[in-house]
């Protein structure tokens, strides 16, 4: 697999201790708080909070896969990102389907608990995102990890707003609407991750079919 290794800045970043440390921070924070937020989602009966918690858990799990991919060739890192994209897409479809089912019920949402758990989630996410900032423009696998973390922060803000609207309107529709939006965000990011992974795989394929071009343009 050495013949399709990525050279240059991405490779140096991937192998740096700082990148590994950033990923471990993301895994620990996201898996840890994801479990807490999922519990809070059931307590508050909030579909948006549950969706946000699944985003946390998915982020932590897929970032762990990103850790395993460190040191792999560009082709295998792209395949890892492809798996991440599929996982995120399936997660989005599940949130979409479960939220549709929730529209058929009329159980009230605890806006106070919903907002509290979402606010803490935002703080946790900001702490997790900061170490990733230097690596957000790397290869498909690095970009996938960045997109997961960015989505978490966007979702947190949306859930906080929804909690306020639930309190103001005394209806659960803001909660459901945000859950739909989070599902859409999952699906959009899944598409971006899959696109980037396919692009990296095409680069590997072109190097194998045209080795002279690869030597002329190693990056």
N, C-alpha and C. Protein backbone atom coordinates (compact mmCIF):
# COMPACT_ATOMS: atom_id res chain seq x y z
N UNK A 1 0.83 -1.21 0.00
CA UNK A 1 0.00 0.00 0.00
C UNK A 1 0.86 1.26 0.00
N UNK A 2 2.17 1.08 0.03
CA UNK A 2 3.02 2.25 0.13
C UNK A 2 2.99 3.10 -1.12
N UNK A 3 2.65 2.47 -2.29
CA UNK A 3 2.71 3.23 -3.53
C UNK A 3 1.65 4.28 -3.64
N UNK A 4 0.58 4.24 -2.81
CA UNK A 4 -0.45 5.27 -2.91
C UNK A 4 -0.51 6.12 -1.67
N UNK A 5 0.60 6.18 -0.93
CA UNK A 5 0.63 7.05 0.24
C UNK A 5 0.52 8.50 -0.17
N UNK A 6 -0.16 9.28 0.67
CA UNK A 6 -0.28 10.72 0.42
C UNK A 6 0.97 11.40 0.92
N UNK A 7 1.51 12.32 0.14
CA UNK A 7 2.70 13.05 0.54
C UNK A 7 2.34 14.48 0.87
N UNK A 8 3.25 15.15 1.60
CA UNK A 8 3.05 16.57 1.83
C UNK A 8 2.49 16.88 3.19
N UNK A 9 1.78 18.03 3.26
CA UNK A 9 1.32 18.56 4.53
C UNK A 9 0.35 17.62 5.22
N UNK A 10 -0.58 17.00 4.43
CA UNK A 10 -1.57 16.12 5.04
C UNK A 10 -0.91 14.98 5.79
N UNK A 11 0.09 14.35 5.15
CA UNK A 11 0.76 13.22 5.76
C UNK A 11 1.45 13.63 7.05
N UNK A 12 2.11 14.79 7.05
CA UNK A 12 2.77 15.27 8.25
C UNK A 12 1.77 15.54 9.37
N UNK A 13 0.62 16.14 9.01
CA UNK A 13 -0.40 16.42 10.01
C UNK A 13 -0.97 15.14 10.59
N UNK A 14 -1.25 14.17 9.71
CA UNK A 14 -1.87 12.92 10.14
C UNK A 14 -0.99 12.19 11.16
N UNK A 15 0.32 12.23 10.94
CA UNK A 15 1.23 11.49 11.81
C UNK A 15 1.68 12.29 13.03
N UNK A 16 1.24 13.52 13.15
CA UNK A 16 1.69 14.36 14.26
C UNK A 16 1.00 13.95 15.56
N UNK A 17 1.73 14.03 16.69
CA UNK A 17 1.12 13.73 17.99
C UNK A 17 -0.07 14.63 18.30
N UNK A 18 -0.02 15.88 17.81
CA UNK A 18 -1.12 16.80 18.06
C UNK A 18 -2.42 16.34 17.44
N UNK A 19 -2.35 15.76 16.26
CA UNK A 19 -3.56 15.26 15.60
C UNK A 19 -4.14 14.08 16.36
N UNK A 20 -3.28 13.16 16.77
CA UNK A 20 -3.76 12.02 17.56
C UNK A 20 -4.40 12.49 18.87
N UNK A 21 -3.76 13.44 19.52
CA UNK A 21 -4.28 13.96 20.78
C UNK A 21 -5.64 14.62 20.56
N UNK A 22 -5.77 15.38 19.47
CA UNK A 22 -7.05 16.03 19.17
C UNK A 22 -8.15 15.00 18.96
N UNK A 23 -7.84 13.91 18.28
CA UNK A 23 -8.85 12.88 18.03
C UNK A 23 -9.26 12.17 19.32
N UNK A 24 -8.30 11.90 20.20
CA UNK A 24 -8.64 11.26 21.47
C UNK A 24 -9.53 12.15 22.32
N UNK A 25 -9.28 13.46 22.29
CA UNK A 25 -10.13 14.40 23.01
C UNK A 25 -11.55 14.35 22.47
N UNK A 26 -11.68 14.33 21.14
CA UNK A 26 -13.00 14.27 20.51
C UNK A 26 -13.73 12.98 20.89
N UNK A 27 -13.03 11.86 20.85
CA UNK A 27 -13.65 10.57 21.19
C UNK A 27 -14.17 10.59 22.63
N UNK A 28 -13.32 10.99 23.56
CA UNK A 28 -13.70 10.97 24.97
C UNK A 28 -14.87 11.89 25.26
N UNK A 29 -14.82 13.12 24.76
CA UNK A 29 -15.89 14.09 25.04
C UNK A 29 -17.20 13.69 24.39
N UNK A 30 -17.14 13.24 23.15
CA UNK A 30 -18.37 12.94 22.43
C UNK A 30 -19.06 11.68 22.92
N UNK A 31 -18.31 10.62 23.14
CA UNK A 31 -18.94 9.40 23.64
C UNK A 31 -19.45 9.61 25.06
N UNK A 32 -18.64 10.27 25.89
CA UNK A 32 -19.05 10.49 27.27
C UNK A 32 -20.30 11.33 27.38
N UNK A 33 -20.32 12.49 26.72
CA UNK A 33 -21.50 13.34 26.84
C UNK A 33 -22.66 12.83 25.99
N UNK A 34 -22.37 12.08 24.93
CA UNK A 34 -23.45 11.52 24.12
C UNK A 34 -24.37 10.64 24.94
N UNK A 35 -23.78 9.81 25.80
CA UNK A 35 -24.59 8.95 26.67
C UNK A 35 -25.43 9.80 27.62
N UNK A 36 -24.82 10.84 28.19
CA UNK A 36 -25.54 11.71 29.12
C UNK A 36 -26.68 12.43 28.42
N UNK A 37 -26.41 12.96 27.21
CA UNK A 37 -27.44 13.71 26.49
C UNK A 37 -28.58 12.81 26.02
N UNK A 38 -28.26 11.57 25.66
CA UNK A 38 -29.31 10.65 25.26
C UNK A 38 -30.25 10.38 26.42
N UNK A 39 -29.68 10.20 27.61
CA UNK A 39 -30.48 10.04 28.82
C UNK A 39 -31.34 11.28 29.03
N UNK A 40 -30.75 12.47 28.83
CA UNK A 40 -31.50 13.71 28.96
C UNK A 40 -32.62 13.82 27.94
N UNK A 41 -32.40 13.29 26.74
CA UNK A 41 -33.43 13.32 25.71
C UNK A 41 -34.66 12.54 26.12
N UNK A 42 -34.44 11.39 26.75
CA UNK A 42 -35.58 10.60 27.23
C UNK A 42 -36.25 11.28 28.41
N UNK A 43 -35.45 11.90 29.28
CA UNK A 43 -36.03 12.61 30.42
C UNK A 43 -36.91 13.78 29.96
N UNK A 44 -36.43 14.52 28.97
CA UNK A 44 -37.16 15.70 28.48
C UNK A 44 -38.17 15.35 27.41
N UNK A 45 -38.16 14.09 26.96
CA UNK A 45 -39.03 13.64 25.86
C UNK A 45 -38.79 14.49 24.61
N UNK A 46 -37.53 14.79 24.35
CA UNK A 46 -37.15 15.66 23.23
C UNK A 46 -36.52 14.85 22.11
N UNK A 47 -37.17 14.85 20.96
CA UNK A 47 -36.63 14.16 19.79
C UNK A 47 -35.36 14.84 19.28
N UNK A 48 -35.34 16.17 19.33
CA UNK A 48 -34.15 16.91 18.88
C UNK A 48 -32.95 16.61 19.77
N UNK A 49 -33.18 16.50 21.07
CA UNK A 49 -32.09 16.20 22.00
C UNK A 49 -31.56 14.79 21.76
N UNK A 50 -32.46 13.84 21.50
CA UNK A 50 -32.03 12.48 21.18
C UNK A 50 -31.20 12.46 19.89
N UNK A 51 -31.67 13.20 18.88
CA UNK A 51 -30.94 13.25 17.61
C UNK A 51 -29.56 13.86 17.81
N UNK A 52 -29.48 14.89 18.63
CA UNK A 52 -28.20 15.54 18.91
C UNK A 52 -27.28 14.59 19.66
N UNK A 53 -27.85 13.80 20.58
CA UNK A 53 -27.05 12.83 21.32
C UNK A 53 -26.50 11.75 20.39
N UNK A 54 -27.32 11.31 19.44
CA UNK A 54 -26.85 10.32 18.47
C UNK A 54 -25.72 10.90 17.62
N UNK A 55 -25.81 12.19 17.35
CA UNK A 55 -24.73 12.86 16.62
C UNK A 55 -23.44 12.80 17.43
N UNK A 56 -23.55 13.04 18.74
CA UNK A 56 -22.39 12.94 19.63
C UNK A 56 -21.79 11.54 19.59
N UNK A 57 -22.65 10.53 19.77
CA UNK A 57 -22.17 9.15 19.80
C UNK A 57 -21.58 8.73 18.46
N UNK A 58 -22.25 9.15 17.38
CA UNK A 58 -21.72 8.84 16.06
C UNK A 58 -20.39 9.51 15.81
N UNK A 59 -20.27 10.75 16.27
CA UNK A 59 -19.02 11.49 16.12
C UNK A 59 -17.89 10.78 16.85
N UNK A 60 -18.15 10.38 18.10
CA UNK A 60 -17.12 9.70 18.87
C UNK A 60 -16.70 8.38 18.25
N UNK A 61 -17.69 7.61 17.78
CA UNK A 61 -17.40 6.29 17.19
C UNK A 61 -16.61 6.42 15.90
N UNK A 62 -17.04 7.36 15.04
CA UNK A 62 -16.37 7.51 13.76
C UNK A 62 -15.00 8.17 13.92
N UNK A 63 -14.86 9.04 14.91
CA UNK A 63 -13.54 9.63 15.16
C UNK A 63 -12.56 8.56 15.63
N UNK A 64 -13.07 7.58 16.38
CA UNK A 64 -12.23 6.46 16.78
C UNK A 64 -11.75 5.70 15.55
N UNK A 65 -12.64 5.55 14.57
CA UNK A 65 -12.24 4.92 13.30
C UNK A 65 -11.17 5.76 12.61
N UNK A 66 -11.30 7.09 12.72
CA UNK A 66 -10.28 7.97 12.17
C UNK A 66 -8.93 7.77 12.85
N UNK A 67 -8.95 7.50 14.14
CA UNK A 67 -7.71 7.22 14.87
C UNK A 67 -7.06 5.95 14.34
N UNK A 68 -7.89 4.94 14.09
CA UNK A 68 -7.35 3.69 13.56
C UNK A 68 -6.73 3.90 12.18
N UNK A 69 -7.27 4.88 11.42
CA UNK A 69 -6.82 5.10 10.05
C UNK A 69 -5.50 5.86 9.97
N UNK A 70 -5.02 6.40 11.09
CA UNK A 70 -3.75 7.13 11.07
C UNK A 70 -2.62 6.18 10.67
N UNK A 71 -1.81 6.60 9.71
CA UNK A 71 -0.72 5.76 9.24
C UNK A 71 -1.09 4.88 8.08
N UNK A 72 -2.39 4.80 7.75
CA UNK A 72 -2.82 4.03 6.59
C UNK A 72 -2.49 4.80 5.32
N UNK A 73 -2.53 4.12 4.20
CA UNK A 73 -2.33 4.77 2.91
C UNK A 73 -3.52 5.67 2.60
N UNK A 74 -3.37 6.54 1.59
CA UNK A 74 -4.46 7.42 1.19
C UNK A 74 -5.69 6.62 0.79
N UNK A 75 -5.48 5.50 0.10
CA UNK A 75 -6.62 4.68 -0.34
C UNK A 75 -7.41 4.15 0.84
N UNK A 76 -6.71 3.64 1.84
CA UNK A 76 -7.42 3.08 2.99
C UNK A 76 -8.03 4.16 3.87
N UNK A 77 -7.39 5.33 3.93
CA UNK A 77 -8.01 6.44 4.66
C UNK A 77 -9.29 6.88 3.96
N UNK A 78 -9.27 6.89 2.62
CA UNK A 78 -10.47 7.25 1.86
C UNK A 78 -11.58 6.23 2.08
N UNK A 79 -11.21 4.95 2.15
CA UNK A 79 -12.22 3.92 2.41
C UNK A 79 -12.80 4.09 3.81
N UNK A 80 -11.95 4.46 4.76
CA UNK A 80 -12.43 4.74 6.12
C UNK A 80 -13.44 5.88 6.10
N UNK A 81 -13.12 6.95 5.36
CA UNK A 81 -14.04 8.08 5.26
C UNK A 81 -15.34 7.66 4.58
N UNK A 82 -15.24 6.76 3.62
CA UNK A 82 -16.44 6.28 2.92
C UNK A 82 -17.38 5.57 3.91
N UNK A 83 -16.81 4.77 4.80
CA UNK A 83 -17.60 4.10 5.83
C UNK A 83 -18.25 5.13 6.75
N UNK A 84 -17.49 6.18 7.08
CA UNK A 84 -18.03 7.25 7.91
C UNK A 84 -19.23 7.91 7.24
N UNK A 85 -19.12 8.16 5.94
CA UNK A 85 -20.22 8.79 5.21
C UNK A 85 -21.46 7.92 5.19
N UNK A 86 -21.28 6.63 4.97
CA UNK A 86 -22.42 5.71 4.97
C UNK A 86 -23.07 5.68 6.35
N UNK A 87 -22.24 5.61 7.39
CA UNK A 87 -22.77 5.59 8.76
C UNK A 87 -23.59 6.84 9.05
N UNK A 88 -23.06 7.99 8.67
CA UNK A 88 -23.77 9.25 8.93
C UNK A 88 -25.07 9.31 8.13
N UNK A 89 -25.05 8.80 6.91
CA UNK A 89 -26.26 8.78 6.10
C UNK A 89 -27.34 7.90 6.72
N UNK A 90 -26.95 6.72 7.20
CA UNK A 90 -27.91 5.83 7.86
C UNK A 90 -28.45 6.46 9.13
N UNK A 91 -27.58 7.16 9.86
CA UNK A 91 -28.01 7.84 11.08
C UNK A 91 -29.05 8.91 10.74
N UNK A 92 -28.81 9.65 9.67
CA UNK A 92 -29.77 10.67 9.24
C UNK A 92 -31.11 10.08 8.86
N UNK A 93 -31.10 8.95 8.16
CA UNK A 93 -32.35 8.30 7.76
C UNK A 93 -33.11 7.80 8.98
N UNK A 94 -32.38 7.27 9.98
CA UNK A 94 -33.04 6.78 11.19
C UNK A 94 -33.69 7.93 11.95
N UNK A 95 -32.97 9.04 12.12
CA UNK A 95 -33.53 10.20 12.81
C UNK A 95 -34.76 10.71 12.06
N UNK A 96 -34.68 10.74 10.74
CA UNK A 96 -35.81 11.20 9.93
C UNK A 96 -37.03 10.32 10.14
N UNK A 97 -36.84 9.00 10.09
CA UNK A 97 -37.97 8.08 10.24
C UNK A 97 -38.57 8.14 11.64
N UNK A 98 -37.71 8.16 12.67
CA UNK A 98 -38.22 8.17 14.04
C UNK A 98 -38.93 9.48 14.35
N UNK A 99 -38.49 10.58 13.75
CA UNK A 99 -39.14 11.87 13.98
C UNK A 99 -40.50 11.90 13.31
N UNK A 100 -40.60 11.31 12.13
CA UNK A 100 -41.91 11.21 11.46
C UNK A 100 -42.90 10.46 12.36
N UNK A 101 -42.44 9.38 12.97
CA UNK A 101 -43.31 8.62 13.88
C UNK A 101 -43.72 9.46 15.09
N UNK A 102 -42.80 10.30 15.58
CA UNK A 102 -43.09 11.13 16.74
C UNK A 102 -44.17 12.17 16.45
N UNK A 103 -44.34 12.54 15.19
CA UNK A 103 -45.39 13.52 14.86
C UNK A 103 -46.78 12.95 15.10
N UNK A 104 -46.88 11.64 15.23
CA UNK A 104 -48.17 11.00 15.45
C UNK A 104 -48.56 10.96 16.92
N UNK A 105 -47.65 11.36 17.80
CA UNK A 105 -47.94 11.38 19.23
C UNK A 105 -48.08 12.82 19.71
N UNK A 106 -48.52 12.98 20.95
CA UNK A 106 -48.73 14.33 21.48
C UNK A 106 -48.18 14.44 22.90
N UNK A 107 -47.02 13.83 23.14
CA UNK A 107 -46.40 13.87 24.46
C UNK A 107 -45.66 15.19 24.63
N UNK A 108 -45.88 15.90 25.74
CA UNK A 108 -45.23 17.21 25.94
C UNK A 108 -43.72 17.10 26.13
N UNK A 109 -43.02 18.16 25.75
CA UNK A 109 -41.56 18.23 25.89
C UNK A 109 -41.21 19.11 27.08
N UNK A 110 -40.25 18.67 27.89
CA UNK A 110 -39.76 19.46 29.02
C UNK A 110 -38.72 20.46 28.51
N UNK A 111 -39.16 21.67 28.22
CA UNK A 111 -38.29 22.67 27.58
C UNK A 111 -37.09 23.03 28.44
N UNK A 112 -37.27 23.12 29.76
CA UNK A 112 -36.17 23.49 30.64
C UNK A 112 -35.04 22.48 30.60
N UNK A 113 -35.38 21.19 30.74
CA UNK A 113 -34.36 20.14 30.68
C UNK A 113 -33.72 20.09 29.30
N UNK A 114 -34.54 20.25 28.28
CA UNK A 114 -34.04 20.23 26.91
C UNK A 114 -32.98 21.31 26.69
N UNK A 115 -33.29 22.52 27.12
CA UNK A 115 -32.35 23.62 26.95
C UNK A 115 -31.09 23.45 27.77
N UNK A 116 -31.22 22.92 28.99
CA UNK A 116 -30.06 22.74 29.87
C UNK A 116 -29.08 21.74 29.28
N UNK A 117 -29.59 20.57 28.86
CA UNK A 117 -28.71 19.56 28.28
C UNK A 117 -28.08 20.05 26.98
N UNK A 118 -28.83 20.81 26.19
CA UNK A 118 -28.29 21.32 24.92
C UNK A 118 -27.21 22.38 25.16
N UNK A 119 -27.38 23.19 26.18
CA UNK A 119 -26.38 24.22 26.50
C UNK A 119 -25.06 23.58 26.93
N UNK A 120 -25.15 22.58 27.79
CA UNK A 120 -23.93 21.87 28.20
C UNK A 120 -23.30 21.18 27.00
N UNK A 121 -24.14 20.64 26.12
CA UNK A 121 -23.63 19.98 24.91
C UNK A 121 -22.84 20.94 24.04
N UNK A 122 -23.32 22.17 23.92
CA UNK A 122 -22.62 23.17 23.12
C UNK A 122 -21.24 23.47 23.71
N UNK A 123 -21.18 23.60 25.03
CA UNK A 123 -19.90 23.87 25.69
C UNK A 123 -18.92 22.71 25.45
N UNK A 124 -19.42 21.49 25.60
CA UNK A 124 -18.58 20.31 25.37
C UNK A 124 -18.07 20.29 23.93
N UNK A 125 -18.97 20.63 23.00
CA UNK A 125 -18.60 20.60 21.59
C UNK A 125 -17.55 21.63 21.23
N UNK A 126 -17.69 22.83 21.78
CA UNK A 126 -16.71 23.87 21.51
C UNK A 126 -15.32 23.45 22.00
N UNK A 127 -15.29 22.79 23.15
CA UNK A 127 -14.02 22.29 23.67
C UNK A 127 -13.43 21.24 22.72
N UNK A 128 -14.32 20.40 22.15
CA UNK A 128 -13.86 19.33 21.26
C UNK A 128 -13.43 19.86 19.89
N UNK A 129 -14.09 20.92 19.41
CA UNK A 129 -13.82 21.43 18.07
C UNK A 129 -12.48 22.16 18.00
N UNK A 130 -12.12 22.89 19.04
CA UNK A 130 -10.92 23.73 19.00
C UNK A 130 -9.65 22.97 18.59
N UNK A 131 -9.38 21.77 19.15
CA UNK A 131 -8.15 21.07 18.73
C UNK A 131 -8.17 20.62 17.28
N UNK A 132 -9.37 20.57 16.65
CA UNK A 132 -9.48 20.09 15.28
C UNK A 132 -9.28 21.18 14.23
N UNK A 133 -9.34 22.44 14.63
CA UNK A 133 -9.28 23.55 13.67
C UNK A 133 -8.08 23.48 12.73
N UNK A 134 -6.88 23.16 13.20
CA UNK A 134 -5.74 23.14 12.27
C UNK A 134 -5.81 22.03 11.22
N UNK A 135 -6.72 21.05 11.40
CA UNK A 135 -6.73 19.88 10.53
C UNK A 135 -7.98 19.80 9.64
N UNK A 136 -8.79 20.86 9.60
CA UNK A 136 -10.08 20.78 8.92
C UNK A 136 -9.96 20.74 7.39
N UNK A 137 -8.78 21.05 6.83
CA UNK A 137 -8.61 21.06 5.37
C UNK A 137 -7.72 19.93 4.88
N UNK A 138 -7.63 18.84 5.66
CA UNK A 138 -6.78 17.72 5.28
C UNK A 138 -7.44 16.79 4.29
N UNK A 139 -7.08 15.49 4.35
CA UNK A 139 -7.65 14.53 3.41
C UNK A 139 -9.09 14.20 3.78
N UNK A 140 -9.70 13.27 3.05
CA UNK A 140 -11.13 12.97 3.25
C UNK A 140 -11.42 12.51 4.67
N UNK A 141 -10.52 11.70 5.23
CA UNK A 141 -10.74 11.20 6.58
C UNK A 141 -10.70 12.32 7.61
N UNK A 142 -9.73 13.25 7.46
CA UNK A 142 -9.62 14.38 8.38
C UNK A 142 -10.82 15.32 8.24
N UNK A 143 -11.25 15.55 6.98
CA UNK A 143 -12.41 16.42 6.77
C UNK A 143 -13.67 15.80 7.34
N UNK A 144 -13.77 14.47 7.28
CA UNK A 144 -14.94 13.79 7.83
C UNK A 144 -15.04 14.02 9.33
N UNK A 145 -13.92 13.89 10.03
CA UNK A 145 -13.90 14.12 11.48
C UNK A 145 -14.30 15.55 11.79
N UNK A 146 -13.78 16.50 11.01
CA UNK A 146 -14.11 17.91 11.21
C UNK A 146 -15.60 18.16 10.99
N UNK A 147 -16.18 17.58 9.93
CA UNK A 147 -17.60 17.79 9.63
C UNK A 147 -18.49 17.24 10.74
N UNK A 148 -18.13 16.08 11.28
CA UNK A 148 -18.91 15.53 12.40
C UNK A 148 -18.93 16.51 13.57
N UNK A 149 -17.77 17.03 13.94
CA UNK A 149 -17.70 17.93 15.09
C UNK A 149 -18.41 19.25 14.82
N UNK A 150 -18.27 19.76 13.61
CA UNK A 150 -18.95 21.01 13.26
C UNK A 150 -20.47 20.82 13.32
N UNK A 151 -20.94 19.68 12.82
CA UNK A 151 -22.38 19.41 12.85
C UNK A 151 -22.91 19.37 14.28
N UNK A 152 -22.11 18.80 15.18
CA UNK A 152 -22.53 18.75 16.58
C UNK A 152 -22.79 20.15 17.12
N UNK A 153 -21.87 21.07 16.87
CA UNK A 153 -22.02 22.44 17.39
C UNK A 153 -23.24 23.13 16.79
N UNK A 154 -23.45 22.97 15.48
CA UNK A 154 -24.63 23.55 14.84
C UNK A 154 -25.90 22.97 15.43
N UNK A 155 -25.90 21.65 15.63
CA UNK A 155 -27.07 21.00 16.20
C UNK A 155 -27.37 21.47 17.61
N UNK A 156 -26.32 21.69 18.41
CA UNK A 156 -26.51 22.18 19.78
C UNK A 156 -27.23 23.52 19.80
N UNK A 157 -26.78 24.44 18.95
CA UNK A 157 -27.41 25.77 18.88
C UNK A 157 -28.87 25.64 18.46
N UNK A 158 -29.13 24.79 17.49
CA UNK A 158 -30.50 24.60 17.02
C UNK A 158 -31.40 24.04 18.12
N UNK A 159 -30.88 23.11 18.91
CA UNK A 159 -31.68 22.53 20.00
C UNK A 159 -31.96 23.57 21.08
N UNK A 160 -30.98 24.41 21.38
CA UNK A 160 -31.20 25.48 22.37
C UNK A 160 -32.31 26.42 21.91
N UNK A 161 -32.27 26.81 20.63
CA UNK A 161 -33.32 27.67 20.09
C UNK A 161 -34.68 26.97 20.14
N UNK A 162 -34.69 25.69 19.80
CA UNK A 162 -35.94 24.93 19.83
C UNK A 162 -36.51 24.86 21.23
N UNK A 163 -35.64 24.69 22.23
CA UNK A 163 -36.11 24.63 23.61
C UNK A 163 -36.81 25.93 24.00
N UNK A 164 -36.22 27.06 23.59
CA UNK A 164 -36.86 28.34 23.87
C UNK A 164 -38.21 28.48 23.19
N UNK A 165 -38.30 28.00 21.94
CA UNK A 165 -39.57 28.08 21.21
C UNK A 165 -40.62 27.15 21.79
N UNK A 166 -40.18 25.99 22.28
CA UNK A 166 -41.12 25.07 22.94
C UNK A 166 -41.71 25.74 24.17
N UNK A 167 -40.86 26.42 24.94
CA UNK A 167 -41.33 27.11 26.14
C UNK A 167 -42.29 28.25 25.79
N UNK A 168 -42.01 28.97 24.70
CA UNK A 168 -42.85 30.11 24.31
C UNK A 168 -44.18 29.68 23.72
N UNK A 169 -44.16 28.62 22.92
CA UNK A 169 -45.37 28.22 22.19
C UNK A 169 -46.17 27.12 22.88
N UNK A 170 -45.55 26.46 23.85
CA UNK A 170 -46.18 25.33 24.56
C UNK A 170 -46.59 24.21 23.60
N UNK A 171 -45.84 24.06 22.51
CA UNK A 171 -46.06 22.95 21.58
C UNK A 171 -44.73 22.23 21.36
N UNK A 172 -44.79 21.02 20.85
CA UNK A 172 -43.58 20.25 20.61
C UNK A 172 -43.05 20.39 19.19
N UNK A 173 -43.74 21.18 18.36
CA UNK A 173 -43.33 21.29 16.96
C UNK A 173 -41.93 21.87 16.77
N UNK A 174 -41.50 22.86 17.55
CA UNK A 174 -40.11 23.32 17.38
C UNK A 174 -39.09 22.20 17.60
N UNK A 175 -39.38 21.33 18.57
CA UNK A 175 -38.51 20.19 18.84
C UNK A 175 -38.44 19.26 17.63
N UNK A 176 -39.60 18.96 17.04
CA UNK A 176 -39.65 18.05 15.90
C UNK A 176 -39.00 18.68 14.67
N UNK A 177 -39.23 19.97 14.47
CA UNK A 177 -38.65 20.64 13.30
C UNK A 177 -37.12 20.60 13.37
N UNK A 178 -36.57 20.86 14.56
CA UNK A 178 -35.11 20.82 14.70
C UNK A 178 -34.58 19.40 14.50
N UNK A 179 -35.33 18.40 14.95
CA UNK A 179 -34.92 17.02 14.71
C UNK A 179 -34.86 16.73 13.21
N UNK A 180 -35.84 17.24 12.46
CA UNK A 180 -35.82 17.09 11.00
C UNK A 180 -34.60 17.79 10.40
N UNK A 181 -34.29 18.99 10.92
CA UNK A 181 -33.14 19.74 10.41
C UNK A 181 -31.82 19.02 10.69
N UNK A 182 -31.72 18.42 11.88
CA UNK A 182 -30.51 17.67 12.21
C UNK A 182 -30.36 16.48 11.28
N UNK A 183 -31.49 15.81 10.99
CA UNK A 183 -31.45 14.69 10.05
C UNK A 183 -30.98 15.15 8.68
N UNK A 184 -31.48 16.31 8.24
CA UNK A 184 -31.06 16.86 6.94
C UNK A 184 -29.57 17.20 6.94
N UNK A 185 -29.09 17.72 8.07
CA UNK A 185 -27.66 18.05 8.19
C UNK A 185 -26.81 16.79 8.11
N UNK A 186 -27.28 15.71 8.76
CA UNK A 186 -26.60 14.42 8.68
C UNK A 186 -26.46 14.00 7.22
N UNK A 187 -27.58 14.04 6.49
CA UNK A 187 -27.60 13.56 5.11
C UNK A 187 -26.73 14.42 4.20
N UNK A 188 -26.76 15.73 4.41
CA UNK A 188 -25.94 16.62 3.59
C UNK A 188 -24.45 16.38 3.83
N UNK A 189 -24.07 16.24 5.10
CA UNK A 189 -22.66 16.00 5.41
C UNK A 189 -22.22 14.62 4.93
N UNK A 190 -23.13 13.64 5.01
CA UNK A 190 -22.80 12.31 4.51
C UNK A 190 -22.46 12.37 3.02
N UNK A 191 -23.24 13.14 2.28
CA UNK A 191 -22.98 13.31 0.85
C UNK A 191 -21.61 13.95 0.62
N UNK A 192 -21.27 14.98 1.40
CA UNK A 192 -19.96 15.63 1.25
C UNK A 192 -18.81 14.69 1.57
N UNK A 193 -18.97 13.89 2.62
CA UNK A 193 -17.92 12.95 3.01
C UNK A 193 -17.72 11.89 1.93
N UNK A 194 -18.82 11.35 1.41
CA UNK A 194 -18.73 10.34 0.36
C UNK A 194 -18.10 10.91 -0.91
N UNK A 195 -18.44 12.16 -1.23
CA UNK A 195 -17.86 12.82 -2.40
C UNK A 195 -16.35 12.98 -2.25
N UNK A 196 -15.91 13.44 -1.06
CA UNK A 196 -14.48 13.63 -0.82
C UNK A 196 -13.74 12.29 -0.85
N UNK A 197 -14.36 11.26 -0.29
CA UNK A 197 -13.72 9.94 -0.27
C UNK A 197 -13.56 9.40 -1.69
N UNK A 198 -14.58 9.58 -2.51
CA UNK A 198 -14.49 9.13 -3.90
C UNK A 198 -13.42 9.90 -4.66
N UNK A 199 -13.28 11.18 -4.36
CA UNK A 199 -12.25 11.99 -5.02
C UNK A 199 -10.86 11.48 -4.66
N UNK A 200 -10.64 11.18 -3.37
CA UNK A 200 -9.33 10.67 -2.96
C UNK A 200 -9.05 9.31 -3.59
N UNK A 201 -10.10 8.46 -3.68
CA UNK A 201 -9.92 7.16 -4.30
C UNK A 201 -9.60 7.29 -5.79
N UNK A 202 -10.19 8.29 -6.44
CA UNK A 202 -9.90 8.51 -7.86
C UNK A 202 -8.46 8.97 -8.06
N UNK A 203 -7.93 9.74 -7.09
CA UNK A 203 -6.53 10.16 -7.16
C UNK A 203 -5.62 8.94 -7.08
N UNK A 204 -5.94 8.02 -6.17
CA UNK A 204 -5.14 6.79 -6.03
C UNK A 204 -5.20 5.98 -7.31
N UNK A 205 -6.39 5.85 -7.89
CA UNK A 205 -6.55 5.08 -9.12
C UNK A 205 -5.75 5.69 -10.27
N UNK A 206 -5.78 7.01 -10.37
CA UNK A 206 -5.05 7.67 -11.46
C UNK A 206 -3.54 7.48 -11.30
N UNK A 207 -3.06 7.44 -10.06
CA UNK A 207 -1.63 7.21 -9.83
C UNK A 207 -1.23 5.80 -10.26
N UNK A 208 -2.12 4.85 -10.01
CA UNK A 208 -1.80 3.47 -10.36
C UNK A 208 -1.82 3.26 -11.87
N UNK A 209 -2.76 3.93 -12.55
CA UNK A 209 -2.90 3.75 -14.00
C UNK A 209 -1.91 4.60 -14.79
N UNK A 210 -1.41 5.68 -14.16
CA UNK A 210 -0.47 6.59 -14.85
C UNK A 210 0.67 6.94 -13.91
N UNK A 211 1.60 6.00 -13.68
CA UNK A 211 2.69 6.25 -12.72
C UNK A 211 3.58 7.41 -13.11
N UNK A 212 3.72 7.70 -14.42
CA UNK A 212 4.55 8.83 -14.84
C UNK A 212 3.96 10.15 -14.37
N UNK A 213 2.60 10.24 -14.43
CA UNK A 213 1.94 11.45 -13.95
C UNK A 213 2.10 11.60 -12.46
N UNK A 214 2.11 10.46 -11.76
CA UNK A 214 2.27 10.50 -10.31
C UNK A 214 3.66 11.02 -9.93
N UNK A 215 4.69 10.59 -10.71
CA UNK A 215 6.04 11.04 -10.42
C UNK A 215 6.21 12.52 -10.74
N UNK A 216 5.52 12.95 -11.80
CA UNK A 216 5.63 14.36 -12.20
C UNK A 216 4.93 15.29 -11.25
N UNK A 217 3.87 14.75 -10.59
CA UNK A 217 3.07 15.57 -9.68
C UNK A 217 2.79 14.78 -8.42
N UNK A 218 3.77 14.59 -7.54
CA UNK A 218 3.66 13.71 -6.38
C UNK A 218 2.58 14.12 -5.42
N UNK A 219 2.16 15.37 -5.41
CA UNK A 219 1.14 15.80 -4.47
C UNK A 219 -0.22 15.50 -5.03
